[in-house]
N, C-alpha and C. Protein backbone atom coordinates (compact mmCIF):
# COMPACT_ATOMS: atom_id res chain seq x y z
N MET A 1 74.11 77.98 136.98
CA MET A 1 74.71 78.89 136.02
C MET A 1 74.54 78.30 134.63
N GLY A 2 74.19 79.14 133.64
CA GLY A 2 74.00 78.70 132.27
C GLY A 2 75.31 78.55 131.53
N LYS A 3 75.21 78.21 130.27
CA LYS A 3 76.43 78.03 129.48
C LYS A 3 77.04 79.39 129.13
N ALA A 4 78.34 79.39 128.95
CA ALA A 4 79.05 80.62 128.59
C ALA A 4 79.26 80.65 127.08
N ILE A 5 79.17 81.82 126.53
CA ILE A 5 79.48 81.99 125.10
C ILE A 5 80.54 83.08 124.98
N THR A 6 81.27 83.05 123.88
CA THR A 6 82.30 84.06 123.62
C THR A 6 81.86 84.91 122.45
N VAL A 7 81.88 86.21 122.63
CA VAL A 7 81.56 87.13 121.55
C VAL A 7 82.72 88.10 121.40
N THR A 8 82.85 88.69 120.23
CA THR A 8 83.89 89.69 120.00
C THR A 8 83.25 90.99 119.59
N GLY A 9 83.96 92.06 119.82
CA GLY A 9 83.47 93.38 119.47
C GLY A 9 84.48 94.42 119.88
N LYS A 10 84.02 95.64 120.03
CA LYS A 10 84.92 96.71 120.44
C LYS A 10 84.19 97.65 121.39
N LEU A 11 84.97 98.33 122.20
CA LEU A 11 84.40 99.31 123.11
C LEU A 11 84.22 100.61 122.35
N ALA A 12 82.98 101.04 122.21
CA ALA A 12 82.71 102.30 121.53
C ALA A 12 82.96 103.47 122.47
N ASP A 13 82.65 103.29 123.72
CA ASP A 13 82.96 104.23 124.79
C ASP A 13 82.92 103.41 126.08
N PRO A 14 83.26 103.97 127.23
CA PRO A 14 83.34 103.16 128.45
C PRO A 14 82.05 102.45 128.85
N ARG A 15 80.92 102.88 128.34
CA ARG A 15 79.65 102.26 128.77
C ARG A 15 78.94 101.53 127.63
N HIS A 16 79.59 101.34 126.49
CA HIS A 16 78.91 100.75 125.34
C HIS A 16 79.85 99.80 124.61
N VAL A 17 79.41 98.56 124.39
CA VAL A 17 80.19 97.56 123.66
C VAL A 17 79.46 97.26 122.35
N GLU A 18 80.18 97.36 121.24
CA GLU A 18 79.62 96.99 119.94
C GLU A 18 80.06 95.57 119.62
N LEU A 19 79.08 94.66 119.48
CA LEU A 19 79.39 93.27 119.19
C LEU A 19 79.46 93.05 117.69
N ASP A 20 80.35 92.13 117.29
CA ASP A 20 80.46 91.81 115.87
C ASP A 20 79.22 91.10 115.35
N GLU A 21 78.59 90.27 116.20
CA GLU A 21 77.36 89.58 115.83
C GLU A 21 76.37 89.68 116.99
N PRO A 22 75.08 89.71 116.71
CA PRO A 22 74.11 89.79 117.80
C PRO A 22 74.09 88.49 118.62
N VAL A 23 73.79 88.60 119.90
CA VAL A 23 73.67 87.44 120.78
C VAL A 23 72.19 87.19 120.98
N THR A 24 71.69 86.08 120.45
CA THR A 24 70.26 85.79 120.55
C THR A 24 69.96 84.60 121.45
N GLU A 25 71.02 83.86 121.89
CA GLU A 25 70.79 82.66 122.69
C GLU A 25 70.53 82.97 124.16
N MET A 26 70.76 84.18 124.62
CA MET A 26 70.65 84.50 126.04
C MET A 26 69.68 85.64 126.28
N THR A 27 69.01 85.56 127.38
CA THR A 27 68.23 86.68 127.88
C THR A 27 68.44 86.74 129.38
N GLY A 28 68.22 87.86 129.98
CA GLY A 28 68.39 88.00 131.42
C GLY A 28 69.77 88.53 131.76
N PRO A 29 70.10 88.53 133.04
CA PRO A 29 71.38 89.08 133.48
C PRO A 29 72.55 88.24 132.98
N VAL A 30 73.64 88.92 132.67
CA VAL A 30 74.86 88.25 132.22
C VAL A 30 76.06 88.85 132.94
N GLU A 31 77.13 88.09 132.99
CA GLU A 31 78.41 88.58 133.51
C GLU A 31 79.30 88.82 132.31
N VAL A 32 79.90 90.00 132.25
CA VAL A 32 80.75 90.36 131.12
C VAL A 32 82.19 90.48 131.60
N VAL A 33 83.09 89.77 130.91
CA VAL A 33 84.52 89.84 131.20
C VAL A 33 85.20 90.36 129.93
N LEU A 34 85.89 91.49 130.05
CA LEU A 34 86.54 92.08 128.88
C LEU A 34 88.02 91.71 128.86
N ARG A 35 88.50 91.29 127.70
CA ARG A 35 89.91 90.99 127.49
C ARG A 35 90.35 91.70 126.23
N PRO A 36 91.59 92.20 126.18
CA PRO A 36 92.07 92.80 124.94
C PRO A 36 92.17 91.73 123.85
N ALA A 37 91.86 92.11 122.66
CA ALA A 37 91.97 91.18 121.53
C ALA A 37 93.44 90.87 121.27
N PRO A 38 93.76 89.65 120.84
CA PRO A 38 95.16 89.34 120.52
C PRO A 38 95.62 90.18 119.34
N ALA A 39 96.87 90.55 119.38
CA ALA A 39 97.43 91.35 118.28
C ALA A 39 97.53 90.50 117.03
N ASN A 40 97.15 91.06 115.92
CA ASN A 40 97.26 90.36 114.64
C ASN A 40 98.51 90.81 113.93
N GLY A 41 99.30 89.87 113.47
CA GLY A 41 100.50 90.20 112.70
C GLY A 41 101.66 90.57 113.60
N PRO A 42 102.76 90.93 112.97
CA PRO A 42 103.96 91.28 113.74
C PRO A 42 103.79 92.60 114.46
N ALA A 43 104.59 92.79 115.48
CA ALA A 43 104.55 94.05 116.22
C ALA A 43 104.93 95.20 115.30
N ARG A 44 104.32 96.34 115.51
CA ARG A 44 104.61 97.50 114.67
C ARG A 44 105.87 98.19 115.15
N ARG A 45 106.67 98.68 114.19
CA ARG A 45 107.90 99.38 114.52
C ARG A 45 107.80 100.81 113.99
N SER A 46 108.50 101.70 114.64
CA SER A 46 108.49 103.09 114.20
C SER A 46 109.30 103.23 112.91
N ILE A 47 109.14 104.34 112.23
CA ILE A 47 109.90 104.61 111.00
C ILE A 47 111.40 104.61 111.31
N LEU A 48 111.79 105.21 112.42
CA LEU A 48 113.21 105.22 112.78
C LEU A 48 113.71 103.80 113.02
N GLY A 49 112.88 102.96 113.63
CA GLY A 49 113.27 101.57 113.85
C GLY A 49 113.41 100.80 112.56
N LEU A 50 112.55 101.08 111.58
CA LEU A 50 112.63 100.40 110.29
C LEU A 50 113.88 100.79 109.52
N CYS A 51 114.37 102.01 109.71
CA CYS A 51 115.53 102.52 108.97
C CYS A 51 116.83 102.40 109.76
N ALA A 52 116.79 101.84 110.95
CA ALA A 52 117.98 101.81 111.82
C ALA A 52 119.16 101.09 111.19
N ASP A 53 118.90 100.04 110.40
CA ASP A 53 119.98 99.27 109.82
C ASP A 53 120.61 99.95 108.60
N LEU A 54 120.09 101.08 108.16
CA LEU A 54 120.62 101.77 106.98
C LEU A 54 121.81 102.66 107.29
N GLY A 55 122.07 102.90 108.54
CA GLY A 55 123.20 103.74 108.92
C GLY A 55 122.83 105.21 108.89
N PRO A 56 123.83 106.07 109.06
CA PRO A 56 123.56 107.50 109.10
C PRO A 56 123.14 108.03 107.72
N ALA A 57 122.35 109.08 107.74
CA ALA A 57 121.90 109.71 106.49
C ALA A 57 123.05 110.51 105.88
N PRO A 58 123.04 110.68 104.55
CA PRO A 58 124.09 111.51 103.94
C PRO A 58 123.95 112.96 104.36
N SER A 59 125.07 113.65 104.41
CA SER A 59 125.05 115.05 104.80
C SER A 59 124.52 115.90 103.64
N ALA A 60 124.19 117.13 103.92
CA ALA A 60 123.72 118.05 102.87
C ALA A 60 124.80 118.25 101.82
N GLU A 61 126.06 118.30 102.26
CA GLU A 61 127.17 118.47 101.32
C GLU A 61 127.29 117.26 100.39
N GLU A 62 127.14 116.05 100.92
CA GLU A 62 127.20 114.84 100.09
C GLU A 62 126.05 114.82 99.09
N ILE A 63 124.87 115.24 99.51
CA ILE A 63 123.72 115.29 98.60
C ILE A 63 123.98 116.30 97.49
N ASP A 64 124.49 117.49 97.84
CA ASP A 64 124.79 118.52 96.83
C ASP A 64 125.84 118.03 95.84
N ASP A 65 126.90 117.36 96.33
CA ASP A 65 127.95 116.85 95.45
C ASP A 65 127.40 115.81 94.49
N THR A 66 126.58 114.90 94.99
CA THR A 66 125.99 113.87 94.14
C THR A 66 125.05 114.48 93.12
N ARG A 67 124.24 115.44 93.54
CA ARG A 67 123.31 116.11 92.62
C ARG A 67 124.09 116.83 91.53
N ARG A 68 125.16 117.53 91.89
CA ARG A 68 125.99 118.25 90.92
C ARG A 68 126.60 117.27 89.90
N GLU A 69 127.10 116.14 90.41
CA GLU A 69 127.71 115.13 89.55
C GLU A 69 126.69 114.55 88.57
N MET A 70 125.49 114.22 89.06
CA MET A 70 124.45 113.63 88.20
C MET A 70 123.97 114.62 87.14
N TRP A 71 123.76 115.87 87.51
CA TRP A 71 123.27 116.87 86.55
C TRP A 71 124.37 117.31 85.58
N SER A 72 125.64 117.08 85.90
CA SER A 72 126.72 117.49 84.99
C SER A 72 126.67 116.70 83.69
N LYS A 73 126.09 115.51 83.70
CA LYS A 73 126.01 114.66 82.51
C LYS A 73 124.73 114.90 81.71
N PHE A 74 123.84 115.74 82.23
CA PHE A 74 122.56 115.98 81.58
C PHE A 74 122.76 117.02 80.47
N PRO A 75 122.30 116.73 79.23
CA PRO A 75 122.50 117.71 78.14
C PRO A 75 121.73 119.01 78.41
N ARG A 76 122.35 120.13 78.04
CA ARG A 76 121.74 121.43 78.26
C ARG A 76 121.66 122.21 76.96
N ASP A 77 120.63 123.03 76.86
CA ASP A 77 120.55 123.96 75.74
C ASP A 77 121.27 125.23 76.13
N ASP A 78 122.21 125.61 75.33
CA ASP A 78 122.92 126.87 75.61
C ASP A 78 122.03 128.02 75.20
N VAL A 79 121.67 128.83 76.16
CA VAL A 79 120.82 129.99 75.92
C VAL A 79 121.74 131.22 75.97
N ALA A 80 121.74 131.97 74.89
CA ALA A 80 122.61 133.16 74.84
C ALA A 80 121.87 134.39 75.18
């Protein structure tokens, strides 16, 4: 048995592997073992998971009250 080399790439479809770099050291039959690539970075979380520590959202009534309060201080042109 010859020496083993490690290459990386991705599965383009079930019958085709795209390699990151060409393999020129080997010719003839080869044995291919596929392993999932290690995950890079932290695990991904859903939007709901990212906002879970913020508590419940304000109600529509609370939003309306706050909006009314903020706009009450905004100067207005009196149109007759």
